[in-house]
Amino acid sequence: MPRSVNAVASRRRRKKILGLAKGYYGSRSKVYTIAKNTVEKGLQYAYRDRKTKKREFRALWIQRINAGARQHGISYSQLMGKLAAKEIGLNRKVLADLAMNNPDAFKAIVDAVK
C-alpha cells in the first residue's frame, strides 16, 4: 500500500510561506527553508513594531503640540494641565493636527485656556 503524505496540505503550507516572502531578495523568496526563517522574523518585527508605532506617534504629537504652544507663550505641560482643568476633551492627535494644519484654531484653544 502506498504511503500517504497529504501533499495537498504540505504544498498549501509552503505556498503560503512563499507568498508571504514575495518581493524578498534572492533565495529569501525562492527557497522554502530560507523564506520560512525570513518570514517568521518579519512577522516578529511586525508584531513588535505595531506596539512601537503607537509610542512613536504619541511622541511626535507631543513635540508638535509643544512647538505650537510655545509660539503662543505656554509650555506643553501647562497647556495640557489647563485643558484638563477646563475639561476640554481634545486628544493629542487632534491637537497636533490643529497645531500643524490649522494654527488659527490652535491659537483659539490656547487663548481659551489661558
Protein backbone atom coordinates (compact mmCIF):
# COMPACT_ATOMS: atom_id res chain seq x y z
CA MET A 1 0.00 0.00 0.00
CA PRO A 2 1.43 3.44 -0.93
CA ARG A 3 2.50 5.88 1.75
CA SER A 4 0.03 8.69 2.44
CA VAL A 5 1.71 12.06 2.90
CA ASN A 6 -1.07 14.63 2.38
CA ALA A 7 0.76 16.54 -0.33
CA VAL A 8 -2.14 18.96 -0.70
CA ALA A 9 -1.68 20.38 2.80
CA SER A 10 2.13 20.41 2.50
CA ARG A 11 2.01 22.31 -0.78
CA ARG A 12 -0.52 24.78 0.59
CA ARG A 13 1.66 25.41 3.65
CA ARG A 14 4.76 26.02 1.51
CA LYS A 15 2.85 28.21 -0.95
CA LYS A 16 1.57 30.34 1.91
CA ILE A 17 5.11 30.97 3.21
CA LEU A 18 6.50 31.68 -0.28
CA GLY A 19 3.58 34.04 -0.91
CA LEU A 20 4.44 35.99 2.23
CA ALA A 21 8.10 36.08 1.10
CA LYS A 22 7.21 37.58 -2.28
CA GLY A 23 9.43 40.55 -3.05
CA TYR A 24 12.30 39.41 -0.82
CA TYR A 25 15.80 39.33 -2.30
CA GLY A 26 17.21 36.19 -3.93
CA SER A 27 16.79 32.88 -2.17
CA ARG A 28 14.78 34.54 0.60
CA SER A 29 11.84 34.50 -1.80
CA LYS A 30 12.65 31.26 -3.66
CA VAL A 31 13.96 28.63 -1.21
CA TYR A 32 11.33 27.43 1.25
CA THR A 33 13.55 26.89 4.29
CA ILE A 34 15.25 30.29 3.98
CA ALA A 35 11.95 32.01 3.17
CA LYS A 36 10.35 30.43 6.24
CA ASN A 37 13.03 31.85 8.55
CA THR A 38 12.80 35.28 6.94
CA VAL A 39 9.01 35.41 7.05
CA GLU A 40 8.92 34.32 10.71
CA LYS A 41 11.42 37.04 11.62
CA GLY A 42 9.45 39.59 9.60
CA LEU A 43 6.25 38.68 11.44
CA GLN A 44 8.06 39.09 14.77
CA TYR A 45 9.19 42.57 13.73
CA ALA A 46 5.67 43.43 12.55
CA TYR A 47 4.16 42.39 15.90
CA ARG A 48 6.78 44.32 17.88
CA ASP A 49 6.57 47.43 15.74
CA ARG A 50 2.78 47.67 15.88
CA LYS A 51 3.33 48.48 19.55
CA THR A 52 6.32 50.77 18.86
CA LYS A 53 4.35 52.73 16.25
CA LYS A 54 1.87 53.89 18.90
CA ARG A 55 4.70 55.14 21.12
CA GLU A 56 6.43 56.96 18.27
CA PHE A 57 3.26 58.72 17.11
CA ARG A 58 2.40 59.85 20.63
CA ALA A 59 5.91 61.31 21.00
CA LEU A 60 5.55 63.08 17.63
CA TRP A 61 2.18 64.56 18.62
CA ILE A 62 3.63 65.83 21.89
CA GLN A 63 6.53 67.51 20.07
CA ARG A 64 4.14 69.21 17.63
CA ILE A 65 1.81 70.41 20.38
CA ASN A 66 4.76 71.71 22.39
CA ALA A 67 6.14 73.60 19.38
CA GLY A 68 2.73 75.14 18.67
CA ALA A 69 2.11 76.01 22.32
CA ARG A 70 5.48 77.70 22.79
CA GLN A 71 4.71 80.01 19.85
CA HIS A 72 1.87 81.32 22.00
CA GLY A 73 3.94 81.62 25.18
CA ILE A 74 2.85 78.50 27.04
CA SER A 75 4.61 75.17 27.59
CA TYR A 76 3.19 71.77 26.68
CA SER A 77 2.70 70.67 30.28
CA GLN A 78 0.93 73.91 31.23
CA LEU A 79 -1.33 73.63 28.17
CA MET A 80 -2.28 70.02 28.88
CA GLY A 81 -2.88 70.77 32.56
CA LYS A 82 -5.15 73.71 31.76
CA LEU A 83 -7.01 71.70 29.08
CA ALA A 84 -7.72 69.01 31.69
CA ALA A 85 -8.80 71.62 34.26
CA LYS A 86 -11.21 73.27 31.80
CA GLU A 87 -12.42 69.79 30.73
CA ILE A 88 -11.66 70.37 27.04
CA GLY A 89 -11.63 66.83 25.69
CA LEU A 90 -9.27 67.08 22.74
CA ASN A 91 -6.74 64.29 22.40
CA ARG A 92 -3.10 64.75 21.43
CA LYS A 93 -3.66 63.53 17.86
CA VAL A 94 -6.27 66.22 17.18
CA LEU A 95 -4.28 68.94 18.95
CA ALA A 96 -1.15 68.08 16.96
CA ASP A 97 -3.12 68.19 13.71
CA LEU A 98 -4.56 71.60 14.62
CA ALA A 99 -1.12 72.92 15.60
CA MET A 100 0.32 71.83 12.23
CA ASN A 101 -2.51 72.46 9.76
CA ASN A 102 -4.82 74.98 11.40
CA PRO A 103 -2.82 77.39 13.57
CA ASP A 104 -5.76 79.80 14.00
CA ALA A 105 -7.91 77.13 15.63
CA PHE A 106 -4.98 76.05 17.80
CA LYS A 107 -4.47 79.67 18.89
CA ALA A 108 -8.15 79.88 19.83
CA ILE A 109 -7.77 76.78 22.01
CA VAL A 110 -4.65 78.22 23.68
CA ASP A 111 -6.46 81.52 24.30
CA ALA A 112 -9.44 79.67 25.75
CA VAL A 113 -7.29 78.01 28.44
CA LYS A 114 -5.07 81.00 29.29
